[in-house]
Amino acid sequence: MAIQAHLAELERKHRVLEGELHDALRHLSSDDLRIAELKRRKLMLKDEIERLKFSTAGTVH
């Protein structure tokens, strides 16, 4: 169950970053480097989520 809790936390962080990115894109004064960093972090989380889902797909009974 620890993996499921970790997966849920990663998904929560992904949603938070998505909100931050959405807010940054709405404001014209947002720094392009900040937006790029948010996108990079969001993609890294998505990759980790997918990796965990794939690795647990074969072990779920």
PDB file of N, CA and C in Angstrom:
ATOM      1  N   MET A   1       0.816  -1.206   0.000  1.00  0.00           N
ATOM      2  CA  MET A   1       0.000   0.000   0.000  1.00  0.00           C
ATOM      3  C   MET A   1       0.853   1.260   0.000  1.00  0.00           C
ATOM      4  N   ALA A   2       2.108   1.139   0.377  1.00  0.00           N
ATOM      5  CA  ALA A   2       2.989   2.305   0.405  1.00  0.00           C
ATOM      6  C   ALA A   2       3.169   2.889  -0.989  1.00  0.00           C
ATOM      7  N   ILE A   3       3.191   2.022  -2.003  1.00  0.00           N
ATOM      8  CA  ILE A   3       3.341   2.513  -3.371  1.00  0.00           C
ATOM      9  C   ILE A   3       2.111   3.313  -3.771  1.00  0.00           C
ATOM     10  N   GLN A   4       0.932   2.853  -3.382  1.00  0.00           N
ATOM     11  CA  GLN A   4      -0.298   3.580  -3.707  1.00  0.00           C
ATOM     12  C   GLN A   4      -0.315   4.954  -3.043  1.00  0.00           C
ATOM     13  N   ALA A   5       0.162   5.037  -1.821  1.00  0.00           N
ATOM     14  CA  ALA A   5       0.230   6.326  -1.123  1.00  0.00           C
ATOM     15  C   ALA A   5       1.227   7.244  -1.815  1.00  0.00           C
ATOM     16  N   HIS A   6       2.352   6.691  -2.229  1.00  0.00           N
ATOM     17  CA  HIS A   6       3.365   7.474  -2.943  1.00  0.00           C
ATOM     18  C   HIS A   6       2.799   7.967  -4.275  1.00  0.00           C
ATOM     19  N   LEU A   7       2.093   7.111  -4.966  1.00  0.00           N
ATOM     20  CA  LEU A   7       1.475   7.470  -6.238  1.00  0.00           C
ATOM     21  C   LEU A   7       0.446   8.586  -6.040  1.00  0.00           C
ATOM     22  N   ALA A   8      -0.357   8.488  -5.009  1.00  0.00           N
ATOM     23  CA  ALA A   8      -1.352   9.520  -4.711  1.00  0.00           C
ATOM     24  C   ALA A   8      -0.680  10.859  -4.412  1.00  0.00           C
ATOM     25  N   GLU A   9       0.428  10.829  -3.696  1.00  0.00           N
ATOM     26  CA  GLU A   9       1.157  12.062  -3.384  1.00  0.00           C
ATOM     27  C   GLU A   9       1.752  12.678  -4.649  1.00  0.00           C
ATOM     28  N   LEU A  10       2.288  11.845  -5.521  1.00  0.00           N
ATOM     29  CA  LEU A  10       2.836  12.349  -6.789  1.00  0.00           C
ATOM     30  C   LEU A  10       1.732  12.979  -7.636  1.00  0.00           C
ATOM     31  N   GLU A  11       0.572  12.353  -7.668  1.00  0.00           N
ATOM     32  CA  GLU A  11      -0.548  12.902  -8.429  1.00  0.00           C
ATOM     33  C   GLU A  11      -1.021  14.223  -7.838  1.00  0.00           C
ATOM     34  N   ARG A  12      -0.988  14.335  -6.517  1.00  0.00           N
ATOM     35  CA  ARG A  12      -1.366  15.596  -5.863  1.00  0.00           C
ATOM     36  C   ARG A  12      -0.377  16.699  -6.240  1.00  0.00           C
ATOM     37  N   LYS A  13       0.920  16.372  -6.197  1.00  0.00           N
ATOM     38  CA  LYS A  13       1.948  17.352  -6.565  1.00  0.00           C
ATOM     39  C   LYS A  13       1.798  17.768  -8.025  1.00  0.00           C
ATOM     40  N   HIS A  14       1.443  16.815  -8.883  1.00  0.00           N
ATOM     41  CA  HIS A  14       1.248  17.108 -10.299  1.00  0.00           C
ATOM     42  C   HIS A  14       0.100  18.103 -10.481  1.00  0.00           C
ATOM     43  N   ARG A  15      -1.000  17.897  -9.749  1.00  0.00           N
ATOM     44  CA  ARG A  15      -2.146  18.815  -9.827  1.00  0.00           C
ATOM     45  C   ARG A  15      -1.767  20.210  -9.328  1.00  0.00           C
ATOM     46  N   VAL A  16      -0.981  20.273  -8.259  1.00  0.00           N
ATOM     47  CA  VAL A  16      -0.544  21.569  -7.725  1.00  0.00           C
ATOM     48  C   VAL A  16       0.302  22.302  -8.760  1.00  0.00           C
ATOM     49  N   LEU A  17       1.240  21.588  -9.371  1.00  0.00           N
ATOM     50  CA  LEU A  17       2.079  22.207 -10.398  1.00  0.00           C
ATOM     51  C   LEU A  17       1.249  22.654 -11.594  1.00  0.00           C
ATOM     52  N   GLU A  18       0.250  21.865 -11.947  1.00  0.00           N
ATOM     53  CA  GLU A  18      -0.626  22.232 -13.055  1.00  0.00           C
ATOM     54  C   GLU A  18      -1.342  23.549 -12.754  1.00  0.00           C
ATOM     55  N   GLY A  19      -1.788  23.710 -11.522  1.00  0.00           N
ATOM     56  CA  GLY A  19      -2.423  24.960 -11.114  1.00  0.00           C
ATOM     57  C   GLY A  19      -1.454  26.135 -11.142  1.00  0.00           C
ATOM     58  N   GLU A  20      -0.246  25.918 -10.643  1.00  0.00           N
ATOM     59  CA  GLU A  20       0.766  26.975 -10.657  1.00  0.00           C
ATOM     60  C   GLU A  20       1.104  27.376 -12.094  1.00  0.00           C
ATOM     61  N   LEU A  21       1.228  26.384 -12.962  1.00  0.00           N
ATOM     62  CA  LEU A  21       1.545  26.652 -14.357  1.00  0.00           C
ATOM     63  C   LEU A  21       0.413  27.422 -15.025  1.00  0.00           C
ATOM     64  N   HIS A  22      -0.799  27.017 -14.751  1.00  0.00           N
ATOM     65  CA  HIS A  22      -1.964  27.712 -15.313  1.00  0.00           C
ATOM     66  C   HIS A  22      -1.975  29.176 -14.876  1.00  0.00           C
ATOM     67  N   ASP A  23      -1.725  29.413 -13.590  1.00  0.00           N
ATOM     68  CA  ASP A  23      -1.690  30.790 -13.082  1.00  0.00           C
ATOM     69  C   ASP A  23      -0.560  31.585 -13.721  1.00  0.00           C
ATOM     70  N   ALA A  24       0.606  30.968 -13.865  1.00  0.00           N
ATOM     71  CA  ALA A  24       1.754  31.665 -14.447  1.00  0.00           C
ATOM     72  C   ALA A  24       1.487  32.020 -15.901  1.00  0.00           C
ATOM     73  N   LEU A  25       0.838  31.147 -16.628  1.00  0.00           N
ATOM     74  CA  LEU A  25       0.556  31.407 -18.036  1.00  0.00           C
ATOM     75  C   LEU A  25      -0.499  32.493 -18.220  1.00  0.00           C
ATOM     76  N   ARG A  26      -1.364  32.661 -17.230  1.00  0.00           N
ATOM     77  CA  ARG A  26      -2.403  33.694 -17.309  1.00  0.00           C
ATOM     78  C   ARG A  26      -1.843  35.089 -17.106  1.00  0.00           C
ATOM     79  N   HIS A  27      -0.739  35.202 -16.395  1.00  0.00           N
ATOM     80  CA  HIS A  27      -0.160  36.508 -16.102  1.00  0.00           C
ATOM     81  C   HIS A  27       0.951  36.810 -17.100  1.00  0.00           C
ATOM     82  N   LEU A  28       0.802  37.896 -17.807  1.00  0.00           N
ATOM     83  CA  LEU A  28       1.791  38.269 -18.820  1.00  0.00           C
ATOM     84  C   LEU A  28       3.155  38.575 -18.214  1.00  0.00           C
ATOM     85  N   SER A  29       3.173  38.929 -16.948  1.00  0.00           N
ATOM     86  CA  SER A  29       4.433  39.290 -16.304  1.00  0.00           C
ATOM     87  C   SER A  29       5.225  38.075 -15.834  1.00  0.00           C
ATOM     88  N   SER A  30       4.698  36.882 -16.039  1.00  0.00           N
ATOM     89  CA  SER A  30       5.395  35.674 -15.582  1.00  0.00           C
ATOM     90  C   SER A  30       6.716  35.495 -16.318  1.00  0.00           C
ATOM     91  N   ASP A  31       7.680  35.045 -15.570  1.00  0.00           N
ATOM     92  CA  ASP A  31       9.015  34.799 -16.091  1.00  0.00           C
ATOM     93  C   ASP A  31       9.021  33.527 -16.940  1.00  0.00           C
ATOM     94  N   ASP A  32       9.582  33.606 -18.148  1.00  0.00           N
ATOM     95  CA  ASP A  32       9.644  32.444 -19.035  1.00  0.00           C
ATOM     96  C   ASP A  32      10.441  31.306 -18.419  1.00  0.00           C
ATOM     97  N   LEU A  33      11.469  31.631 -17.662  1.00  0.00           N
ATOM     98  CA  LEU A  33      12.269  30.590 -17.018  1.00  0.00           C
ATOM     99  C   LEU A  33      11.447  29.864 -15.948  1.00  0.00           C
ATOM    100  N   ARG A  34      10.633  30.604 -15.233  1.00  0.00           N
ATOM    101  CA  ARG A  34       9.768  29.974 -14.226  1.00  0.00           C
ATOM    102  C   ARG A  34       8.768  29.045 -14.897  1.00  0.00           C
ATOM    103  N   ILE A  35       8.189  29.487 -15.995  1.00  0.00           N
ATOM    104  CA  ILE A  35       7.221  28.657 -16.713  1.00  0.00           C
ATOM    105  C   ILE A  35       7.899  27.388 -17.228  1.00  0.00           C
ATOM    106  N   ALA A  36       9.091  27.528 -17.779  1.00  0.00           N
ATOM    107  CA  ALA A  36       9.828  26.359 -18.272  1.00  0.00           C
ATOM    108  C   ALA A  36      10.146  25.396 -17.130  1.00  0.00           C
ATOM    109  N   GLU A  37      10.512  25.926 -15.982  1.00  0.00           N
ATOM    110  CA  GLU A  37      10.828  25.086 -14.824  1.00  0.00           C
ATOM    111  C   GLU A  37       9.572  24.342 -14.338  1.00  0.00           C
ATOM    112  N   LEU A  38       8.445  25.035 -14.288  1.00  0.00           N
ATOM    113  CA  LEU A  38       7.192  24.390 -13.878  1.00  0.00           C
ATOM    114  C   LEU A  38       6.826  23.264 -14.841  1.00  0.00           C
ATOM    115  N   LYS A  39       6.972  23.524 -16.138  1.00  0.00           N
ATOM    116  CA  LYS A  39       6.674  22.496 -17.138  1.00  0.00           C
ATOM    117  C   LYS A  39       7.603  21.300 -16.980  1.00  0.00           C
ATOM    118  N   ARG A  40       8.883  21.570 -16.734  1.00  0.00           N
ATOM    119  CA  ARG A  40       9.861  20.489 -16.575  1.00  0.00           C
ATOM    120  C   ARG A  40       9.528  19.637 -15.354  1.00  0.00           C
ATOM    121  N   ARG A  41       9.227  20.292 -14.227  1.00  0.00           N
ATOM    122  CA  ARG A  41       8.892  19.559 -12.998  1.00  0.00           C
ATOM    123  C   ARG A  41       7.611  18.753 -13.175  1.00  0.00           C
ATOM    124  N   LYS A  42       6.623  19.338 -13.863  1.00  0.00           N
ATOM    125  CA  LYS A  42       5.360  18.649 -14.093  1.00  0.00           C
ATOM    126  C   LYS A  42       5.586  17.406 -14.958  1.00  0.00           C
ATOM    127  N   LEU A  43       6.405  17.534 -15.986  1.00  0.00           N
ATOM    128  CA  LEU A  43       6.699  16.396 -16.851  1.00  0.00           C
ATOM    129  C   LEU A  43       7.465  15.311 -16.100  1.00  0.00           C
ATOM    130  N   MET A  44       8.394  15.703 -15.252  1.00  0.00           N
ATOM    131  CA  MET A  44       9.132  14.722 -14.453  1.00  0.00           C
ATOM    132  C   MET A  44       8.184  13.944 -13.538  1.00  0.00           C
ATOM    133  N   LEU A  45       7.242  14.645 -12.919  1.00  0.00           N
ATOM    134  CA  LEU A  45       6.268  13.968 -12.062  1.00  0.00           C
ATOM    135  C   LEU A  45       5.387  13.024 -12.870  1.00  0.00           C
ATOM    136  N   LYS A  46       4.953  13.481 -14.039  1.00  0.00           N
ATOM    137  CA  LYS A  46       4.118  12.629 -14.884  1.00  0.00           C
ATOM    138  C   LYS A  46       4.874  11.364 -15.280  1.00  0.00           C
ATOM    139  N   ASP A  47       6.141  11.517 -15.653  1.00  0.00           N
ATOM    140  CA  ASP A  47       6.955  10.348 -16.015  1.00  0.00           C
ATOM    141  C   ASP A  47       7.083   9.376 -14.846  1.00  0.00           C
ATOM    142  N   GLU A  48       7.310   9.905 -13.650  1.00  0.00           N
ATOM    143  CA  GLU A  48       7.441   9.043 -12.474  1.00  0.00           C
ATOM    144  C   GLU A  48       6.116   8.345 -12.156  1.00  0.00           C
ATOM    145  N   ILE A  49       5.002   9.061 -12.297  1.00  0.00           N
ATOM    146  CA  ILE A  49       3.688   8.469 -12.070  1.00  0.00           C
ATOM    147  C   ILE A  49       3.460   7.312 -13.043  1.00  0.00           C
ATOM    148  N   GLU A  50       3.744   7.538 -14.303  1.00  0.00           N
ATOM    149  CA  GLU A  50       3.551   6.497 -15.310  1.00  0.00           C
ATOM    150  C   GLU A  50       4.470   5.302 -15.052  1.00  0.00           C
ATOM    151  N   ARG A  51       5.695   5.566 -14.656  1.00  0.00           N
ATOM    152  CA  ARG A  51       6.645   4.490 -14.351  1.00  0.00           C
ATOM    153  C   ARG A  51       6.130   3.643 -13.181  1.00  0.00           C
ATOM    154  N   LEU A  52       5.624   4.307 -12.144  1.00  0.00           N
ATOM    155  CA  LEU A  52       5.083   3.580 -10.994  1.00  0.00           C
ATOM    156  C   LEU A  52       3.839   2.775 -11.373  1.00  0.00           C
ATOM    157  N   LYS A  53       2.960   3.370 -12.154  1.00  0.00           N
ATOM    158  CA  LYS A  53       1.755   2.659 -12.579  1.00  0.00           C
ATOM    159  C   LYS A  53       2.124   1.429 -13.394  1.00  0.00           C
ATOM    160  N   PHE A  54       3.099   1.574 -14.279  1.00  0.00           N
ATOM    161  CA  PHE A  54       3.520   0.449 -15.111  1.00  0.00           C
ATOM    162  C   PHE A  54       4.156  -0.648 -14.270  1.00  0.00           C
ATOM    163  N   SER A  55       4.991  -0.254 -13.306  1.00  0.00           N
ATOM    164  CA  SER A  55       5.690  -1.254 -12.490  1.00  0.00           C
ATOM    165  C   SER A  55       4.746  -1.974 -11.532  1.00  0.00           C
ATOM    166  N   THR A  56       3.665  -1.314 -11.121  1.00  0.00           N
ATOM    167  CA  THR A  56       2.726  -1.960 -10.205  1.00  0.00           C
ATOM    168  C   THR A  56       1.616  -2.699 -10.943  1.00  0.00           C
ATOM    169  N   ALA A  57       1.460  -2.456 -12.236  1.00  0.00           N
ATOM    170  CA  ALA A  57       0.389  -3.109 -13.006  1.00  0.00           C
ATOM    171  C   ALA A  57       0.549  -4.626 -12.991  1.00  0.00           C
ATOM    172  N   GLY A  58       1.761  -5.110 -13.030  1.00  0.00           N
ATOM    173  CA  GLY A  58       1.987  -6.555 -13.022  1.00  0.00           C
ATOM    174  C   GLY A  58       1.923  -7.181 -11.642  1.00  0.00           C
ATOM    175  N   THR A  59       1.935  -6.351 -10.596  1.00  0.00           N
ATOM    176  CA  THR A  59       1.955  -6.901  -9.233  1.00  0.00           C
ATOM    177  C   THR A  59       0.614  -6.790  -8.527  1.00  0.00           C
ATOM    178  N   VAL A  60      -0.365  -6.093  -9.131  1.00  0.00           N
ATOM    179  CA  VAL A  60      -1.690  -5.932  -8.510  1.00  0.00           C
ATOM    180  C   VAL A  60      -2.473  -7.219  -8.697  1.00  0.00           C
ATOM    181  N   HIS A  61      -3.073  -7.714  -7.604  1.00  0.00           N
ATOM    182  CA  HIS A  61      -3.850  -8.967  -7.656  1.00  0.00           C
ATOM    183  C   HIS A  61      -5.318  -8.666  -7.590  1.00  0.00           C
TER     184      HIS A  61
END
